[in-house]
Amino acid sequence: LAGAQDGAATAFPAATLTLEGAPEDRFAAALAAGQDP
């Protein structure tokens, strides 16, 4: 979802999404660092 919002030409506001809780935050950190979760 974050990738699809980045740079999209749209009239609707982008949302910054965060997953709170384990183990989602662990996988999200790996993805943000460009690692294979």
PDB file of all heavy atoms in Angstrom:
ATOM      1  N   LEU A   1       0.828  -1.200   0.000  1.00  0.00           N
ATOM      2  CA  LEU A   1       0.000   0.000   0.000  1.00  0.00           C
ATOM      3  C   LEU A   1       0.869   1.259   0.000  1.00  0.00           C
ATOM      4  O   LEU A   1       0.569   2.229  -0.706  1.00  0.00           O
ATOM      5  CB  LEU A   1      -0.927   0.000   1.210  1.00  0.00           C
ATOM      6  CG  LEU A   1      -2.025  -1.071   1.224  1.00  0.00           C
ATOM      7  CD1 LEU A   1      -2.820  -0.996   2.524  1.00  0.00           C
ATOM      8  CD2 LEU A   1      -2.947  -0.936   0.032  1.00  0.00           C
ATOM      9  N   ALA A   2       1.915   1.239   0.796  1.00  0.00           N
ATOM     10  CA  ALA A   2       2.818   2.399   0.840  1.00  0.00           C
ATOM     11  C   ALA A   2       3.447   2.639  -0.525  1.00  0.00           C
ATOM     12  O   ALA A   2       3.528   3.777  -1.005  1.00  0.00           O
ATOM     13  CB  ALA A   2       3.889   2.185   1.897  1.00  0.00           C
ATOM     14  N   GLY A   3       3.899   1.566  -1.169  1.00  0.00           N
ATOM     15  CA  GLY A   3       4.505   1.702  -2.483  1.00  0.00           C
ATOM     16  C   GLY A   3       3.523   2.207  -3.524  1.00  0.00           C
ATOM     17  O   GLY A   3       3.888   3.002  -4.403  1.00  0.00           O
ATOM     18  N   ALA A   4       2.269   1.781  -3.436  1.00  0.00           N
ATOM     19  CA  ALA A   4       1.261   2.202  -4.404  1.00  0.00           C
ATOM     20  C   ALA A   4       0.828   3.642  -4.191  1.00  0.00           C
ATOM     21  O   ALA A   4       0.311   4.284  -5.109  1.00  0.00           O
ATOM     22  CB  ALA A   4       0.049   1.280  -4.317  1.00  0.00           C
ATOM     23  N   GLN A   5       1.008   4.166  -2.980  1.00  0.00           N
ATOM     24  CA  GLN A   5       0.679   5.568  -2.722  1.00  0.00           C
ATOM     25  C   GLN A   5       1.793   6.502  -3.155  1.00  0.00           C
ATOM     26  O   GLN A   5       1.536   7.622  -3.588  1.00  0.00           O
ATOM     27  CB  GLN A   5       0.404   5.775  -1.222  1.00  0.00           C
ATOM     28  CG  GLN A   5      -0.907   5.186  -0.735  1.00  0.00           C
ATOM     29  CD  GLN A   5      -1.182   5.532   0.714  1.00  0.00           C
ATOM     30  OE1 GLN A   5      -2.135   6.237   1.028  1.00  0.00           O
ATOM     31  NE2 GLN A   5      -0.344   5.045   1.602  1.00  0.00           N
ATOM     32  N   ASP A   6       3.041   6.044  -3.048  1.00  0.00           N
ATOM     33  CA  ASP A   6       4.183   6.895  -3.367  1.00  0.00           C
ATOM     34  C   ASP A   6       4.159   7.293  -4.848  1.00  0.00           C
ATOM     35  O   ASP A   6       4.163   6.447  -5.735  1.00  0.00           O
ATOM     36  CB  ASP A   6       5.501   6.177  -3.058  1.00  0.00           C
ATOM     37  CG  ASP A   6       5.737   6.010  -1.570  1.00  0.00           C
ATOM     38  OD1 ASP A   6       5.047   6.690  -0.792  1.00  0.00           O
ATOM     39  OD2 ASP A   6       6.587   5.182  -1.194  1.00  0.00           O
ATOM     40  N   GLY A   7       4.136   8.573  -5.097  1.00  0.00           N
ATOM     41  CA  GLY A   7       4.217   9.066  -6.466  1.00  0.00           C
ATOM     42  C   GLY A   7       2.947   8.925  -7.266  1.00  0.00           C
ATOM     43  O   GLY A   7       2.929   9.268  -8.455  1.00  0.00           O
ATOM     44  N   ALA A   8       1.864   8.427  -6.673  1.00  0.00           N
ATOM     45  CA  ALA A   8       0.617   8.269  -7.415  1.00  0.00           C
ATOM     46  C   ALA A   8      -0.061   9.616  -7.611  1.00  0.00           C
ATOM     47  O   ALA A   8      -0.112  10.431  -6.691  1.00  0.00           O
ATOM     48  CB  ALA A   8      -0.317   7.321  -6.673  1.00  0.00           C
ATOM     49  N   ALA A   9      -0.577   9.855  -8.815  1.00  0.00           N
ATOM     50  CA  ALA A   9      -1.328  11.073  -9.091  1.00  0.00           C
ATOM     51  C   ALA A   9      -2.765  10.839  -8.638  1.00  0.00           C
ATOM     52  O   ALA A   9      -3.527  10.141  -9.299  1.00  0.00           O
ATOM     53  CB  ALA A   9      -1.277  11.405 -10.575  1.00  0.00           C
ATOM     54  N   THR A  10      -3.131  11.417  -7.521  1.00  0.00           N
ATOM     55  CA  THR A  10      -4.447  11.153  -6.954  1.00  0.00           C
ATOM     56  C   THR A  10      -4.975  12.374  -6.230  1.00  0.00           C
ATOM     57  O   THR A  10      -4.193  13.186  -5.710  1.00  0.00           O
ATOM     58  CB  THR A  10      -4.385   9.955  -5.976  1.00  0.00           C
ATOM     59  OG1 THR A  10      -5.665   9.780  -5.362  1.00  0.00           O
ATOM     60  CG2 THR A  10      -3.329  10.157  -4.906  1.00  0.00           C
ATOM     61  N   ALA A  11      -6.294  12.501  -6.215  1.00  0.00           N
ATOM     62  CA  ALA A  11      -6.924  13.605  -5.499  1.00  0.00           C
ATOM     63  C   ALA A  11      -7.179  13.273  -4.048  1.00  0.00           C
ATOM     64  O   ALA A  11      -7.710  14.103  -3.307  1.00  0.00           O
ATOM     65  CB  ALA A  11      -8.254  13.955  -6.179  1.00  0.00           C
ATOM     66  N   PHE A  12      -6.790  12.079  -3.638  1.00  0.00           N
ATOM     67  CA  PHE A  12      -7.068  11.631  -2.281  1.00  0.00           C
ATOM     68  C   PHE A  12      -5.797  11.618  -1.447  1.00  0.00           C
ATOM     69  O   PHE A  12      -4.705  11.324  -1.961  1.00  0.00           O
ATOM     70  CB  PHE A  12      -7.726  10.254  -2.303  1.00  0.00           C
ATOM     71  CG  PHE A  12      -9.090  10.272  -2.907  1.00  0.00           C
ATOM     72  CD1 PHE A  12      -9.268  10.099  -4.273  1.00  0.00           C
ATOM     73  CD2 PHE A  12     -10.202  10.521  -2.126  1.00  0.00           C
ATOM     74  CE1 PHE A  12     -10.523  10.151  -4.843  1.00  0.00           C
ATOM     75  CE2 PHE A  12     -11.470  10.575  -2.677  1.00  0.00           C
ATOM     76  CZ  PHE A  12     -11.632  10.397  -4.043  1.00  0.00           C
ATOM     77  N   PRO A  13      -5.908  11.928  -0.157  1.00  0.00           N
ATOM     78  CA  PRO A  13      -4.719  12.061   0.686  1.00  0.00           C
ATOM     79  C   PRO A  13      -4.045  10.725   0.957  1.00  0.00           C
ATOM     80  O   PRO A  13      -4.703   9.699   1.111  1.00  0.00           O
ATOM     81  CB  PRO A  13      -5.278  12.655   1.985  1.00  0.00           C
ATOM     82  CG  PRO A  13      -6.694  12.194   2.023  1.00  0.00           C
ATOM     83  CD  PRO A  13      -7.154  12.191   0.597  1.00  0.00           C
ATOM     84  N   ALA A  14      -2.724  10.759   1.004  1.00  0.00           N
ATOM     85  CA  ALA A  14      -1.969   9.548   1.342  1.00  0.00           C
ATOM     86  C   ALA A  14      -1.998   9.325   2.844  1.00  0.00           C
ATOM     87  O   ALA A  14      -2.038  10.271   3.631  1.00  0.00           O
ATOM     88  CB  ALA A  14      -0.526   9.686   0.859  1.00  0.00           C
ATOM     89  N   ALA A  15      -1.979   8.057   3.219  1.00  0.00           N
ATOM     90  CA  ALA A  15      -1.946   7.697   4.628  1.00  0.00           C
ATOM     91  C   ALA A  15      -0.637   6.985   4.933  1.00  0.00           C
ATOM     92  O   ALA A  15      -0.213   6.105   4.185  1.00  0.00           O
ATOM     93  CB  ALA A  15      -3.118   6.786   4.970  1.00  0.00           C
ATOM     94  N   THR A  16       0.012   7.396   6.007  1.00  0.00           N
ATOM     95  CA  THR A  16       1.175   6.674   6.503  1.00  0.00           C
ATOM     96  C   THR A  16       0.673   5.594   7.446  1.00  0.00           C
ATOM     97  O   THR A  16       0.025   5.890   8.453  1.00  0.00           O
ATOM     98  CB  THR A  16       2.135   7.617   7.241  1.00  0.00           C
ATOM     99  OG1 THR A  16       2.539   8.663   6.351  1.00  0.00           O
ATOM    100  CG2 THR A  16       3.365   6.864   7.723  1.00  0.00           C
ATOM    101  N   LEU A  17       0.946   4.342   7.121  1.00  0.00           N
ATOM    102  CA  LEU A  17       0.421   3.216   7.880  1.00  0.00           C
ATOM    103  C   LEU A  17       1.504   2.583   8.733  1.00  0.00           C
ATOM    104  O   LEU A  17       2.652   2.436   8.289  1.00  0.00           O
ATOM    105  CB  LEU A  17      -0.153   2.154   6.936  1.00  0.00           C
ATOM    106  CG  LEU A  17      -1.302   2.590   6.032  1.00  0.00           C
ATOM    107  CD1 LEU A  17      -1.716   1.448   5.113  1.00  0.00           C
ATOM    108  CD2 LEU A  17      -2.496   3.071   6.853  1.00  0.00           C
ATOM    109  N   THR A  18       1.141   2.198   9.941  1.00  0.00           N
ATOM    110  CA  THR A  18       2.054   1.517  10.855  1.00  0.00           C
ATOM    111  C   THR A  18       1.335   0.344  11.500  1.00  0.00           C
ATOM    112  O   THR A  18       0.205   0.489  11.991  1.00  0.00           O
ATOM    113  CB  THR A  18       2.535   2.473  11.975  1.00  0.00           C
ATOM    114  OG1 THR A  18       3.085   3.646  11.388  1.00  0.00           O
ATOM    115  CG2 THR A  18       3.593   1.799  12.840  1.00  0.00           C
ATOM    116  N   LEU A  19       1.998  -0.811  11.504  1.00  0.00           N
ATOM    117  CA  LEU A  19       1.484  -1.970  12.214  1.00  0.00           C
ATOM    118  C   LEU A  19       2.075  -1.971  13.614  1.00  0.00           C
ATOM    119  O   LEU A  19       3.298  -1.923  13.778  1.00  0.00           O
ATOM    120  CB  LEU A  19       1.850  -3.261  11.480  1.00  0.00           C
ATOM    121  CG  LEU A  19       1.067  -3.555  10.207  1.00  0.00           C
ATOM    122  CD1 LEU A  19       1.750  -4.662   9.406  1.00  0.00           C
ATOM    123  CD2 LEU A  19      -0.371  -3.944  10.527  1.00  0.00           C
ATOM    124  N   GLU A  20       1.216  -2.008  14.613  1.00  0.00           N
ATOM    125  CA  GLU A  20       1.669  -1.983  15.998  1.00  0.00           C
ATOM    126  C   GLU A  20       1.391  -3.330  16.644  1.00  0.00           C
ATOM    127  O   GLU A  20       0.237  -3.745  16.757  1.00  0.00           O
ATOM    128  CB  GLU A  20       0.954  -0.862  16.756  1.00  0.00           C
ATOM    129  CG  GLU A  20       1.246   0.521  16.181  1.00  0.00           C
ATOM    130  CD  GLU A  20       0.518   1.619  16.906  1.00  0.00           C
ATOM    131  OE1 GLU A  20      -0.490   1.323  17.587  1.00  0.00           O
ATOM    132  OE2 GLU A  20       0.943   2.787  16.809  1.00  0.00           O
ATOM    133  N   GLY A  21       2.446  -4.024  17.040  1.00  0.00           N
ATOM    134  CA  GLY A  21       2.294  -5.325  17.677  1.00  0.00           C
ATOM    135  C   GLY A  21       3.267  -6.324  17.093  1.00  0.00           C
ATOM    136  O   GLY A  21       3.792  -6.143  15.998  1.00  0.00           O
ATOM    137  N   ALA A  22       3.515  -7.370  17.855  1.00  0.00           N
ATOM    138  CA  ALA A  22       4.443  -8.410  17.421  1.00  0.00           C
ATOM    139  C   ALA A  22       3.641  -9.605  16.895  1.00  0.00           C
ATOM    140  O   ALA A  22       2.575  -9.929  17.432  1.00  0.00           O
ATOM    141  CB  ALA A  22       5.321  -8.844  18.596  1.00  0.00           C
ATOM    142  N   PRO A  23       4.174 -10.251  15.822  1.00  0.00           N
ATOM    143  CA  PRO A  23       5.462  -9.982  15.178  1.00  0.00           C
ATOM    144  C   PRO A  23       5.384  -9.080  13.961  1.00  0.00           C
ATOM    145  O   PRO A  23       6.362  -8.970  13.204  1.00  0.00           O
ATOM    146  CB  PRO A  23       5.928 -11.388  14.780  1.00  0.00           C
ATOM    147  CG  PRO A  23       4.673 -12.130  14.491  1.00  0.00           C
ATOM    148  CD  PRO A  23       3.627 -11.570  15.418  1.00  0.00           C
ATOM    149  N   GLU A  24       4.242  -8.371  13.733  1.00  0.00           N
ATOM    150  CA  GLU A  24       4.131  -7.509  12.550  1.00  0.00           C
ATOM    151  C   GLU A  24       5.228  -6.455  12.509  1.00  0.00           C
ATOM    152  O   GLU A  24       5.814  -6.201  11.444  1.00  0.00           O
ATOM    153  CB  GLU A  24       2.761  -6.823  12.523  1.00  0.00           C
ATOM    154  CG  GLU A  24       1.609  -7.719  12.135  1.00  0.00           C
ATOM    155  CD  GLU A  24       0.934  -8.351  13.328  1.00  0.00           C
ATOM    156  OE1 GLU A  24       1.553  -8.374  14.428  1.00  0.00           O
ATOM    157  OE2 GLU A  24      -0.196  -8.809  13.187  1.00  0.00           O
ATOM    158  N   ASP A  25       5.497  -5.802  13.675  1.00  0.00           N
ATOM    159  CA  ASP A  25       6.491  -4.732  13.665  1.00  0.00           C
ATOM    160  C   ASP A  25       7.877  -5.264  13.318  1.00  0.00           C
ATOM    161  O   ASP A  25       8.696  -4.573  12.700  1.00  0.00           O
ATOM    162  CB  ASP A  25       6.507  -3.992  15.005  1.00  0.00           C
ATOM    163  CG  ASP A  25       6.602  -4.914  16.210  1.00  0.00           C
ATOM    164  OD1 ASP A  25       6.772  -6.139  16.027  1.00  0.00           O
ATOM    165  OD2 ASP A  25       6.503  -4.402  17.346  1.00  0.00           O
ATOM    166  N   ARG A  26       8.142  -6.503  13.666  1.00  0.00           N
ATOM    167  CA  ARG A  26       9.430  -7.128  13.342  1.00  0.00           C
ATOM    168  C   ARG A  26       9.584  -7.277  11.821  1.00  0.00           C
ATOM    169  O   ARG A  26      10.622  -6.934  11.248  1.00  0.00           O
ATOM    170  CB  ARG A  26       9.490  -8.482  14.029  1.00  0.00           C
ATOM    171  CG  ARG A  26      10.767  -9.272  13.821  1.00  0.00           C
ATOM    172  CD  ARG A  26      10.704 -10.571  14.597  1.00  0.00           C
ATOM    173  NE  ARG A  26      11.945 -11.332  14.511  1.00  0.00           N
ATOM    174  CZ  ARG A  26      12.498 -11.972  15.524  1.00  0.00           C
ATOM    175  NH1 ARG A  26      11.939 -11.916  16.713  1.00  0.00           N
ATOM    176  NH2 ARG A  26      13.611 -12.657  15.354  1.00  0.00           N
ATOM    177  N   PHE A  27       8.542  -7.769  11.165  1.00  0.00           N
ATOM    178  CA  PHE A  27       8.581  -7.933   9.711  1.00  0.00           C
ATOM    179  C   PHE A  27       8.583  -6.577   9.005  1.00  0.00           C
ATOM    180  O   PHE A  27       9.253  -6.391   7.988  1.00  0.00           O
ATOM    181  CB  PHE A  27       7.389  -8.755   9.240  1.00  0.00           C
ATOM    182  CG  PHE A  27       7.458 -10.209   9.620  1.00  0.00           C
ATOM    183  CD1 PHE A  27       6.390 -10.822  10.256  1.00  0.00           C
ATOM    184  CD2 PHE A  27       8.588 -10.968   9.340  1.00  0.00           C
ATOM    185  CE1 PHE A  27       6.439 -12.164  10.605  1.00  0.00           C
ATOM    186  CE2 PHE A  27       8.651 -12.323   9.690  1.00  0.00           C
ATOM    187  CZ  PHE A  27       7.567 -12.910  10.322  1.00  0.00           C
ATOM    188  N   ALA A  28       7.812  -5.616   9.549  1.00  0.00           N
ATOM    189  CA  ALA A  28       7.770  -4.290   8.946  1.00  0.00           C
ATOM    190  C   ALA A  28       9.143  -3.629   8.985  1.00  0.00           C
ATOM    191  O   ALA A  28       9.557  -2.958   8.025  1.00  0.00           O
ATOM    192  CB  ALA A  28       6.743  -3.422   9.665  1.00  0.00           C
ATOM    193  N   ALA A  29       9.875  -3.819  10.069  1.00  0.00           N
ATOM    194  CA  ALA A  29      11.224  -3.249  10.175  1.00  0.00           C
ATOM    195  C   ALA A  29      12.148  -3.852   9.130  1.00  0.00           C
ATOM    196  O   ALA A  29      12.970  -3.148   8.520  1.00  0.00           O
ATOM    197  CB  ALA A  29      11.773  -3.480  11.578  1.00  0.00           C
ATOM    198  N   ALA A  30      12.033  -5.150   8.895  1.00  0.00           N
ATOM    199  CA  ALA A  30      12.858  -5.798   7.881  1.00  0.00           C
ATOM    200  C   ALA A  30      12.535  -5.259   6.490  1.00  0.00           C
ATOM    201  O   ALA A  30      13.444  -4.978   5.691  1.00  0.00           O
ATOM    202  CB  ALA A  30      12.649  -7.312   7.927  1.00  0.00           C
ATOM    203  N   LEU A  31      11.261  -5.088   6.191  1.00  0.00           N
ATOM    204  CA  LEU A  31      10.867  -4.548   4.888  1.00  0.00           C
ATOM    205  C   LEU A  31      11.367  -3.119   4.713  1.00  0.00           C
ATOM    206  O   LEU A  31      11.850  -2.742   3.645  1.00  0.00           O
ATOM    207  CB  LEU A  31       9.344  -4.598   4.751  1.00  0.00           C
ATOM    208  CG  LEU A  31       8.740  -5.981   4.480  1.00  0.00           C
ATOM    209  CD1 LEU A  31       7.255  -5.986   4.780  1.00  0.00           C
ATOM    210  CD2 LEU A  31       9.007  -6.400   3.034  1.00  0.00           C
ATOM    211  N   ALA A  32      11.263  -2.309   5.769  1.00  0.00           N
ATOM    212  CA  ALA A  32      11.724  -0.922   5.690  1.00  0.00           C
ATOM    213  C   ALA A  32      13.218  -0.839   5.459  1.00  0.00           C
ATOM    214  O   ALA A  32      13.716   0.109   4.830  1.00  0.00           O
ATOM    215  CB  ALA A  32      11.335  -0.178   6.961  1.00  0.00           C
ATOM    216  N   ALA A  33      13.948  -1.836   5.947  1.00  0.00           N
ATOM    217  CA  ALA A  33      15.405  -1.850   5.787  1.00  0.00           C
ATOM    218  C   ALA A  33      15.829  -2.500   4.470  1.00  0.00           C
ATOM    219  O   ALA A  33      17.029  -2.650   4.222  1.00  0.00           O
ATOM    220  CB  ALA A  33      16.044  -2.594   6.955  1.00  0.00           C
ATOM    221  N   GLY A  34      14.855  -2.877   3.653  1.00  0.00           N
ATOM    222  CA  GLY A  34      15.175  -3.497   2.369  1.00  0.00           C
ATOM    223  C   GLY A  34      15.593  -4.945   2.488  1.00  0.00           C
ATOM    224  O   GLY A  34      16.194  -5.496   1.562  1.00  0.00           O
ATOM    225  N   GLN A  35      15.278  -5.577   3.618  1.00  0.00           N
ATOM    226  CA  GLN A  35      15.639  -6.976   3.827  1.00  0.00           C
ATOM    227  C   GLN A  35      14.462  -7.891   3.483  1.00  0.00           C
ATOM    228  O   GLN A  35      13.319  -7.450   3.401  1.00  0.00           O
ATOM    229  CB  GLN A  35      16.058  -7.186   5.287  1.00  0.00           C
ATOM    230  CG  GLN A  35      17.245  -6.338   5.707  1.00  0.00           C
ATOM    231  CD  GLN A  35      17.454  -6.348   7.213  1.00  0.00           C
ATOM    232  OE1 GLN A  35      16.654  -6.903   7.957  1.00  0.00           O
ATOM    233  NE2 GLN A  35      18.514  -5.689   7.678  1.00  0.00           N
ATOM    234  N   ASP A  36      14.765  -9.161   3.279  1.00  0.00           N
ATOM    235  CA  ASP A  36      13.738 -10.145   2.993  1.00  0.00           C
ATOM    236  C   ASP A  36      13.129 -10.609   4.313  1.00  0.00           C
ATOM    237  O   ASP A  36      13.789 -11.292   5.092  1.00  0.00           O
ATOM    238  CB  ASP A  36      14.329 -11.338   2.240  1.00  0.00           C
ATOM    239  CG  ASP A  36      13.300 -12.414   1.947  1.00  0.00           C
ATOM    240  OD1 ASP A  36      12.094 -12.168   2.166  1.00  0.00           O
ATOM    241  OD2 ASP A  36      13.695 -13.506   1.481  1.00  0.00           O
ATOM    242  N   PRO A  37      11.884 -10.258   4.605  1.00  0.00           N
ATOM    243  CA  PRO A  37      11.299 -10.629   5.898  1.00  0.00           C
ATOM    244  C   PRO A  37      11.112 -12.143   6.042  1.00  0.00           C
ATOM    245  O   PRO A  37      11.056 -12.653   7.162  1.00  0.00           O
ATOM    246  CB  PRO A  37       9.960  -9.897   5.904  1.00  0.00           C
ATOM    247  CG  PRO A  37       9.624  -9.726   4.456  1.00  0.00           C
ATOM    248  CD  PRO A  37      10.932  -9.526   3.758  1.00  0.00           C
TER     249      PRO A  37
END
